[in-house]
Protein backbone atom coordinates (compact mmCIF):
# COMPACT_ATOMS: atom_id res chain seq x y z
CA MET A 1 50.52 -10.37 -27.55
CA GLU A 2 48.20 -13.10 -26.53
CA LYS A 3 46.28 -10.76 -24.22
CA GLU A 4 45.71 -8.24 -27.04
CA GLU A 5 44.35 -10.97 -29.30
CA ASN A 6 42.05 -12.33 -26.48
CA ASN A 7 40.74 -8.62 -25.89
CA THR A 8 40.19 -8.16 -29.41
CA GLU A 9 38.19 -11.47 -29.81
CA GLU A 10 36.23 -10.35 -26.69
CA LEU A 11 35.35 -7.08 -28.10
CA ASN A 12 34.31 -8.77 -31.50
CA ASN A 13 32.21 -11.14 -29.66
CA SER A 14 30.45 -8.62 -27.55
CA THR A 15 30.04 -6.32 -30.76
CA GLU A 16 28.28 -9.19 -32.46
CA ASP A 17 26.06 -9.92 -29.47
CA GLN A 18 24.92 -6.13 -29.43
CA LEU A 19 24.37 -6.25 -33.40
CA ASP A 20 22.18 -9.47 -32.92
CA LYS A 21 20.15 -7.89 -30.04
CA SER A 22 19.58 -4.61 -32.00
CA SER A 23 18.76 -6.46 -35.18
CA LYS A 24 16.07 -8.48 -33.27
CA ILE A 25 14.51 -5.22 -31.89
CA SER A 26 14.76 -3.66 -35.36
CA GLU A 27 12.91 -6.66 -36.85
CA GLU A 28 10.22 -6.49 -34.17
CA GLU A 29 9.89 -2.60 -35.09
CA LYS A 30 9.81 -3.59 -38.72
CA ILE A 31 7.16 -6.14 -38.09
CA LEU A 32 4.78 -3.42 -36.57
CA SER A 33 3.13 -1.28 -39.08
CA PRO A 34 2.85 2.24 -38.58
CA GLU A 35 -0.94 1.90 -37.77
CA GLU A 36 -0.19 -0.73 -35.14
CA LYS A 37 2.45 1.54 -33.53
CA ILE A 38 0.00 4.31 -33.41
CA ILE A 39 -2.53 2.07 -31.69
CA ASP A 40 0.19 0.86 -29.49
CA LEU A 41 1.21 4.52 -28.55
CA GLU A 42 -2.47 5.48 -27.99
CA ASP A 43 -3.06 2.60 -25.71
CA LYS A 44 -0.04 3.34 -23.69
CA ILE A 45 -1.17 7.12 -23.50
CA ALA A 46 -4.79 6.10 -22.47
CA ARG A 47 -3.28 3.91 -19.62
CA THR A 48 -0.96 6.44 -18.38
CA LEU A 49 -3.85 9.01 -18.32
CA ALA A 50 -5.98 6.70 -16.48
CA GLU A 51 -3.34 6.02 -13.89
CA MET A 52 -2.68 9.73 -13.35
CA GLU A 53 -6.44 10.15 -12.86
CA ASN A 54 -6.55 7.36 -10.33
CA GLN A 55 -3.64 8.80 -8.39
CA ARG A 56 -5.31 12.27 -8.32
CA ARG A 57 -8.45 10.86 -6.91
CA ARG A 58 -6.44 8.88 -4.29
CA PHE A 59 -4.56 11.85 -3.41
CA GLU A 60 -7.92 13.84 -3.12
CA LYS A 61 -9.47 11.18 -0.90
CA GLU A 62 -6.51 11.17 1.31
CA LYS A 63 -6.50 14.95 1.75
CA GLU A 64 -10.25 15.01 2.60
CA ASP A 65 -9.63 12.39 5.10
CA ALA A 66 -6.81 14.06 6.66
CA PHE A 67 -9.09 16.99 6.96
CA GLU A 68 -11.98 15.10 8.38
CA TYR A 69 -10.02 12.77 10.72
CA GLY A 70 -7.00 14.78 11.45
CA GLY A 71 -7.79 14.95 15.03
CA PHE A 72 -8.70 11.38 15.38
CA ASN A 73 -5.86 10.38 17.44
CA PHE A 74 -6.12 13.57 19.70
CA ALA A 75 -9.78 12.70 20.35
CA LYS A 76 -8.96 9.11 21.23
CA GLU A 77 -6.54 10.57 23.69
CA VAL A 78 -9.01 13.09 25.07
CA LEU A 79 -11.55 10.09 25.90
CA ASN A 80 -9.17 9.30 29.06
CA LEU A 81 -10.12 12.67 30.37
CA ILE A 82 -13.87 11.46 30.44
CA ASP A 83 -13.03 8.30 31.94
CA ASN A 84 -11.12 9.80 34.77
CA LEU A 85 -13.83 12.32 35.46
CA GLU A 86 -16.29 9.59 35.89
CA ARG A 87 -14.00 7.35 37.88
CA SER A 88 -13.20 10.41 40.17
CA LYS A 89 -16.99 10.92 40.86
CA ILE A 90 -17.47 7.47 41.67
CA SER A 91 -14.58 7.34 43.97
CA LEU A 92 -15.75 10.25 45.87
CA GLU A 93 -19.34 8.93 46.14
CA ASN A 94 -18.11 5.76 47.60
CA ASP A 95 -15.85 7.38 50.05
CA GLN A 96 -17.41 6.68 53.48
CA GLU A 97 -15.85 9.80 55.18
CA LEU A 98 -17.52 12.14 52.61
CA LYS A 99 -20.73 10.15 52.22
CA ASP A 100 -23.10 12.64 53.76
CA LYS A 101 -21.42 15.88 53.58
CA ASN A 102 -22.26 19.09 51.52
CA LEU A 103 -18.71 19.06 50.15
CA LEU A 104 -19.35 15.85 48.28
CA LYS A 105 -22.57 17.19 46.76
CA LYS A 106 -20.65 20.50 45.65
CA VAL A 107 -17.68 18.52 44.16
CA SER A 108 -20.16 15.91 42.41
CA GLU A 109 -21.95 18.92 40.88
CA HIS A 110 -18.75 20.55 39.47
CA LEU A 111 -17.81 17.11 38.02
CA ASP A 112 -20.91 16.85 36.32
CA ILE A 113 -20.61 20.34 34.94
CA ILE A 114 -17.11 19.48 33.60
CA TYR A 115 -18.39 16.13 32.15
CA GLN A 116 -21.27 17.94 30.51
CA ASP A 117 -19.09 20.50 29.08
CA THR A 118 -16.65 18.00 27.75
CA ILE A 119 -19.48 15.92 26.10
CA SER A 120 -20.82 19.22 24.41
CA ILE A 121 -17.41 19.93 23.14
CA PHE A 122 -17.25 16.55 21.74
CA LYS A 123 -20.57 16.68 19.99
CA LYS A 124 -19.74 20.07 18.41
CA ASN A 125 -16.83 18.12 16.86
CA ASN A 126 -19.13 15.12 15.84
CA ILE A 127 -17.79 12.84 18.52
CA GLU A 128 -20.86 10.97 19.84
CA PRO A 129 -21.06 8.54 22.65
CA ILE A 130 -22.37 5.01 21.63
CA GLU A 131 -25.60 4.09 23.29
CA SER A 132 -25.31 0.69 24.80
CA ILE A 133 -27.57 -0.24 27.58
CA ASN A 134 -30.47 -2.44 26.70
CA LYS A 135 -29.42 -2.62 22.94
CA LYS A 136 -28.48 -5.72 21.07
CA MET A 137 -24.63 -6.28 21.05
CA ASP A 138 -23.09 -5.12 17.88
CA PRO A 139 -19.32 -6.28 17.49
CA ASN A 140 -18.58 -3.27 15.20
CA LEU A 141 -19.37 -1.04 18.18
CA HIS A 142 -19.22 -3.14 21.33
CA GLN A 143 -16.74 -5.25 23.04
CA ALA A 144 -18.05 -7.97 25.35
CA MET A 145 -16.11 -8.22 28.67
CA MET A 146 -18.38 -10.57 30.44
CA GLU A 147 -21.73 -12.43 30.37
CA ILE A 148 -24.31 -11.79 33.16
CA GLU A 149 -27.10 -14.43 33.60
CA ASP A 150 -30.52 -12.72 33.26
CA ASP A 151 -33.66 -14.57 32.27
CA ASN A 152 -35.51 -11.37 31.85
CA LYS A 153 -33.34 -10.11 28.80
CA GLU A 154 -32.86 -11.76 25.48
CA PRO A 155 -29.49 -13.37 25.23
CA GLY A 156 -26.82 -10.79 23.70
CA THR A 157 -28.70 -7.79 25.06
CA ILE A 158 -26.20 -5.25 26.98
CA VAL A 159 -27.03 -5.18 30.51
CA LYS A 160 -23.91 -3.35 31.83
CA GLU A 161 -21.70 -0.73 30.48
CA ILE A 162 -17.96 -0.86 31.78
CA GLN A 163 -16.47 1.76 29.63
CA LYS A 164 -18.30 4.16 27.38
CA GLY A 165 -17.44 3.86 23.64
CA PHE A 166 -17.39 6.88 21.14
CA THR A 167 -17.50 7.46 17.34
CA MET A 168 -16.19 10.37 15.34
CA LYS A 169 -18.31 11.07 12.36
CA LYS A 170 -19.50 7.56 12.29
CA ARG A 171 -15.89 6.03 12.51
CA LEU A 172 -15.28 4.16 15.67
CA LEU A 173 -13.01 5.86 18.06
CA ARG A 174 -13.28 3.45 20.85
CA PRO A 175 -15.70 0.53 21.31
CA SER A 176 -17.89 0.36 24.45
CA LEU A 177 -16.81 -2.19 26.99
CA VAL A 178 -20.06 -4.02 27.98
CA GLY A 179 -21.48 -6.93 29.80
CA VAL A 180 -24.07 -8.99 27.86
CA SER A 181 -27.03 -11.14 29.07
CA LYS A 182 -27.27 -14.93 28.83
CA LYS A 183 -29.90 -17.41 29.83
CA LYS A 184 -29.24 -19.30 33.05
CA SER A 185 -27.58 -22.48 32.40
CA LYS A 186 -29.87 -25.59 32.93
CA ASN A 187 -27.37 -27.34 35.00
CA GLN A 188 -27.64 -24.63 37.56
CA ASP A 189 -31.39 -24.86 37.36
CA LYS A 190 -31.27 -28.64 37.84
CA SER A 191 -28.82 -28.46 40.87
CA LYS A 192 -31.24 -25.89 42.52
CA ASP A 193 -34.31 -28.50 42.17
CA ILE A 194 -32.45 -31.27 43.81
């Protein structure tokens, strides 16, 4: 019996709480005039439409980027092919056994043809090599790997290219790895004079 009374009391209490909440909401609704409600609803609709338009634009931009730069990762991977061709040619040219043989010249010519064809395909797909030598270092396009003392060049000028960099439609695929010039240090100049 006590359980039933307790349950009944709890039910009555929860019902009263719900009535209090609903009466507060109704009071708030009653406070707003119909004109205010219309203005509030118009504002909500305008915000919703603006959000939908922003989302449409965002999706449109993402679709364009996917079309423009869809091959970006593939192009990045293919750069290894160019690097390997260059390394192969240098390795063959430095091989003392092949130094003055016709075979080396033929292989070197064929590697040059493959390299030029690959660069041509890159250019057709808007993948351009970054020009570096004798240019001022740009941290957006170049990554300095070493400093080379050179009094003939202005400090920060690229004097050596370790690895060629590339861009795709003005977006960086890979930075050029470079060596930049710096002035000889005064301590070394003084030690030579002594």
